[in-house]
Amino acid sequence: MIIKEPYRSNNKSLNREFTVLTTNSINLIINKLTDNSQEVVEILDKFINFGIRLIQDTEELQEEIHEFEELFQFHITDLNFIFWINVSKGKITYEKGFSANASIRISITKDLLLKIFKSEISGTEAYMKGLMNVHGSLSHAFKVKNFLRLLMDYLKIKSKSNE
C-alpha cells in the first residue's frame, strides 16, 4: 500500500500530536536517540507507544495489519531494552519485557536501529550483513519490516504536511 495523503484520525488527541509532528521534530527525536543515557529507552518507549496509537487509529495502517498473527520480540542489546509487540486479529499491543511466546525474535544495537531510522541502511541489508539477529520465520520478519517502513513513510508524509 502506498499512502499518498495522511488519514485524519478520529482521535482528537492524536490529531493534536500530529499537528506538532514535523520533519524537524522526527529528526530531533532520532538525534536524541544518539545519547548514551537511560533517557534513550524512555524516548523509544514513547515513540513506540505513539506508533501503536497511530496504527490503532489510522484506517490505512489498520488494513495493513489485519491479517498479521504474530508476536515479535525485540532486544536492543546495548540498551538492554527488551519489548514485544503482538499483532492479532487487527489489534496491536506493546509491552516491555520478555515473552516466551514470541514467534520472531530480533536483536539489534541502538546504532544500527538509528541507521535504519535514518535510511542509511535497510533492515534487509543489515540482516544480510550479519549486523542483526533474527530468529523465527524470515518471511514474517520481512513482513514486519515492510510494515515498519510503511509506518515510517506515513510519519514522514504526515510531518511534511504539517510544515
Protein backbone atom coordinates (compact mmCIF):
# COMPACT_ATOMS: atom_id res chain seq x y z
CA MET A 1 0.00 0.00 0.00
CA ILE A 2 1.27 3.47 -0.86
CA ILE A 3 -0.06 6.27 1.28
CA LYS A 4 -0.38 9.50 -0.66
CA GLU A 5 -2.26 11.57 1.89
CA PRO A 6 -2.29 11.01 5.62
CA TYR A 7 -5.54 9.79 7.08
CA ARG A 8 -7.07 12.12 9.65
CA SER A 9 -7.72 10.10 12.80
CA ASN A 10 -10.96 10.26 14.77
CA ASN A 11 -8.79 10.51 17.89
CA LYS A 12 -8.56 14.26 18.65
CA SER A 13 -5.54 13.94 20.95
CA LEU A 14 -3.65 12.02 18.27
CA ASN A 15 -4.53 14.73 15.74
CA ARG A 16 -3.10 17.34 18.14
CA GLU A 17 0.13 15.34 18.36
CA PHE A 18 0.22 15.16 14.56
CA THR A 19 -0.16 18.92 14.34
CA VAL A 20 3.21 19.37 16.05
CA LEU A 21 4.84 16.49 14.19
CA THR A 22 7.20 17.88 11.57
CA THR A 23 10.24 16.55 9.77
CA ASN A 24 12.35 18.58 12.19
CA SER A 25 10.64 17.00 15.22
CA ILE A 26 11.23 13.50 13.82
CA ASN A 27 14.88 14.39 13.22
CA LEU A 28 15.13 15.77 16.78
CA ILE A 29 13.76 12.50 18.15
CA ILE A 30 16.23 10.48 16.09
CA ASN A 31 19.11 12.75 17.14
CA LYS A 32 18.08 12.47 20.79
CA LEU A 33 18.37 8.69 20.44
CA THR A 34 22.12 9.11 19.89
CA ASP A 35 22.53 10.00 23.59
CA ASN A 36 24.03 7.31 25.78
CA SER A 37 21.63 7.72 28.67
CA GLN A 38 18.65 5.86 30.10
CA GLU A 39 16.59 8.65 28.56
CA VAL A 40 17.01 6.86 25.21
CA VAL A 41 14.87 3.95 26.47
CA GLU A 42 12.19 6.41 27.62
CA ILE A 43 12.21 8.15 24.23
CA LEU A 44 11.97 4.81 22.39
CA ASP A 45 9.11 3.78 24.69
CA LYS A 46 7.20 6.97 23.91
CA PHE A 47 7.93 6.66 20.18
CA ILE A 48 6.70 3.04 20.15
CA ASN A 49 3.56 3.97 22.10
CA PHE A 50 2.88 6.81 19.66
CA GLY A 51 3.32 4.43 16.72
CA ILE A 52 0.94 1.89 18.31
CA ARG A 53 -1.72 4.57 18.84
CA LEU A 54 -1.21 5.80 15.28
CA ILE A 55 -1.72 2.28 13.92
CA GLN A 56 -4.80 1.73 16.07
CA ASP A 57 -6.39 4.98 14.90
CA THR A 58 -5.50 5.01 11.20
CA GLU A 59 -7.60 3.01 8.75
CA GLU A 60 -4.85 2.55 6.15
CA LEU A 61 -2.42 1.19 8.73
CA GLN A 62 -5.11 -0.99 10.32
CA GLU A 63 -5.74 -2.59 6.93
CA GLU A 64 -2.06 -3.49 6.69
CA ILE A 65 -2.06 -5.46 9.97
CA HIS A 66 -5.49 -7.03 9.57
CA GLU A 67 -4.08 -10.43 8.61
CA PHE A 68 -1.00 -10.41 10.86
CA GLU A 69 -0.94 -13.04 13.60
CA GLU A 70 2.49 -12.69 15.17
CA LEU A 71 4.21 -11.87 18.42
CA PHE A 72 7.50 -10.07 17.79
CA GLN A 73 10.22 -9.86 20.46
CA PHE A 74 12.77 -7.04 20.10
CA HIS A 75 16.02 -6.68 22.02
CA ILE A 76 18.10 -3.54 21.68
CA THR A 77 21.21 -5.18 23.01
CA ASP A 78 23.41 -2.26 24.07
CA LEU A 79 20.49 -0.65 25.94
CA ASN A 80 19.25 -3.95 27.34
CA PHE A 81 15.81 -2.80 26.23
CA ILE A 82 13.55 -5.78 25.61
CA PHE A 83 9.96 -5.47 24.45
CA TRP A 84 7.38 -7.31 22.44
CA ILE A 85 4.65 -6.35 20.04
CA ASN A 86 1.69 -8.65 19.46
CA VAL A 87 -0.42 -8.28 16.34
CA SER A 88 -3.56 -10.38 16.37
CA LYS A 89 -6.96 -10.03 14.71
CA GLY A 90 -6.28 -6.45 13.66
CA LYS A 91 -5.21 -5.35 17.16
CA ILE A 92 -1.72 -4.40 18.23
CA THR A 93 -0.28 -4.38 21.74
CA TYR A 94 3.12 -3.42 23.11
CA GLU A 95 4.74 -4.43 26.38
CA LYS A 96 8.21 -4.07 27.84
CA GLY A 97 9.95 -7.26 28.87
CA PHE A 98 10.42 -10.78 27.59
CA SER A 99 7.77 -13.01 26.03
CA ALA A 100 8.32 -16.75 25.84
CA ASN A 101 5.62 -16.93 23.14
CA ALA A 102 7.37 -14.77 20.52
CA SER A 103 7.38 -16.28 17.05
CA ILE A 104 10.08 -13.88 15.85
CA ARG A 105 12.99 -12.53 17.89
CA ILE A 106 15.03 -9.60 16.61
CA SER A 107 18.24 -8.42 18.29
CA ILE A 108 19.76 -5.13 17.20
CA THR A 109 22.03 -2.41 18.54
CA LYS A 110 20.88 1.16 19.10
CA ASP A 111 23.32 2.47 16.47
CA LEU A 112 22.02 0.05 13.85
CA LEU A 113 18.42 0.95 14.73
CA LEU A 114 19.28 4.63 14.22
CA LYS A 115 20.87 3.88 10.85
CA ILE A 116 17.68 2.09 9.82
CA PHE A 117 15.53 5.02 11.06
CA LYS A 118 17.73 7.43 9.07
CA SER A 119 17.50 5.15 5.98
CA GLU A 120 21.29 4.78 5.95
CA ILE A 121 20.83 1.01 5.77
CA SER A 122 17.79 -1.21 5.29
CA GLY A 123 16.74 -3.92 7.70
CA THR A 124 17.26 -6.47 4.94
CA GLU A 125 20.78 -5.25 4.24
CA ALA A 126 21.60 -5.25 7.97
CA TYR A 127 20.40 -8.84 8.27
CA MET A 128 22.28 -9.98 5.16
CA LYS A 129 25.49 -8.41 6.51
CA GLY A 130 25.03 -10.18 9.85
CA LEU A 131 24.54 -6.91 11.75
CA MET A 132 21.28 -8.03 13.36
CA ASN A 133 19.98 -11.38 14.55
CA VAL A 134 16.58 -12.69 13.57
CA HIS A 135 15.23 -15.95 14.95
CA GLY A 136 11.99 -17.25 13.50
CA SER A 137 10.34 -17.10 10.11
CA LEU A 138 12.24 -14.79 7.79
CA SER A 139 9.17 -14.26 5.61
CA HIS A 140 7.29 -12.98 8.67
CA ALA A 141 10.26 -10.82 9.66
CA PHE A 142 10.25 -9.26 6.18
CA LYS A 143 6.51 -8.68 6.53
CA VAL A 144 7.06 -6.67 9.72
CA LYS A 145 10.00 -4.85 8.12
CA ASN A 146 7.78 -3.78 5.24
CA PHE A 147 5.08 -2.66 7.64
CA LEU A 148 7.55 -0.64 9.77
CA ARG A 149 8.84 1.03 6.59
CA LEU A 150 5.24 1.90 5.68
CA LEU A 151 4.72 3.37 9.17
CA MET A 152 7.88 5.47 8.89
CA ASP A 153 6.87 6.66 5.42
CA TYR A 154 3.44 7.60 6.79
CA LEU A 155 5.07 9.60 9.61
CA LYS A 156 7.31 11.41 7.11
CA ILE A 157 4.35 12.29 4.85
CA LYS A 158 2.35 13.50 7.83
CA SER A 159 5.26 15.54 9.20
CA LYS A 160 5.82 17.26 5.84
CA SER A 161 2.13 18.17 5.62
CA ASN A 162 2.46 19.97 8.98
CA GLU A 163 5.42 22.13 7.94
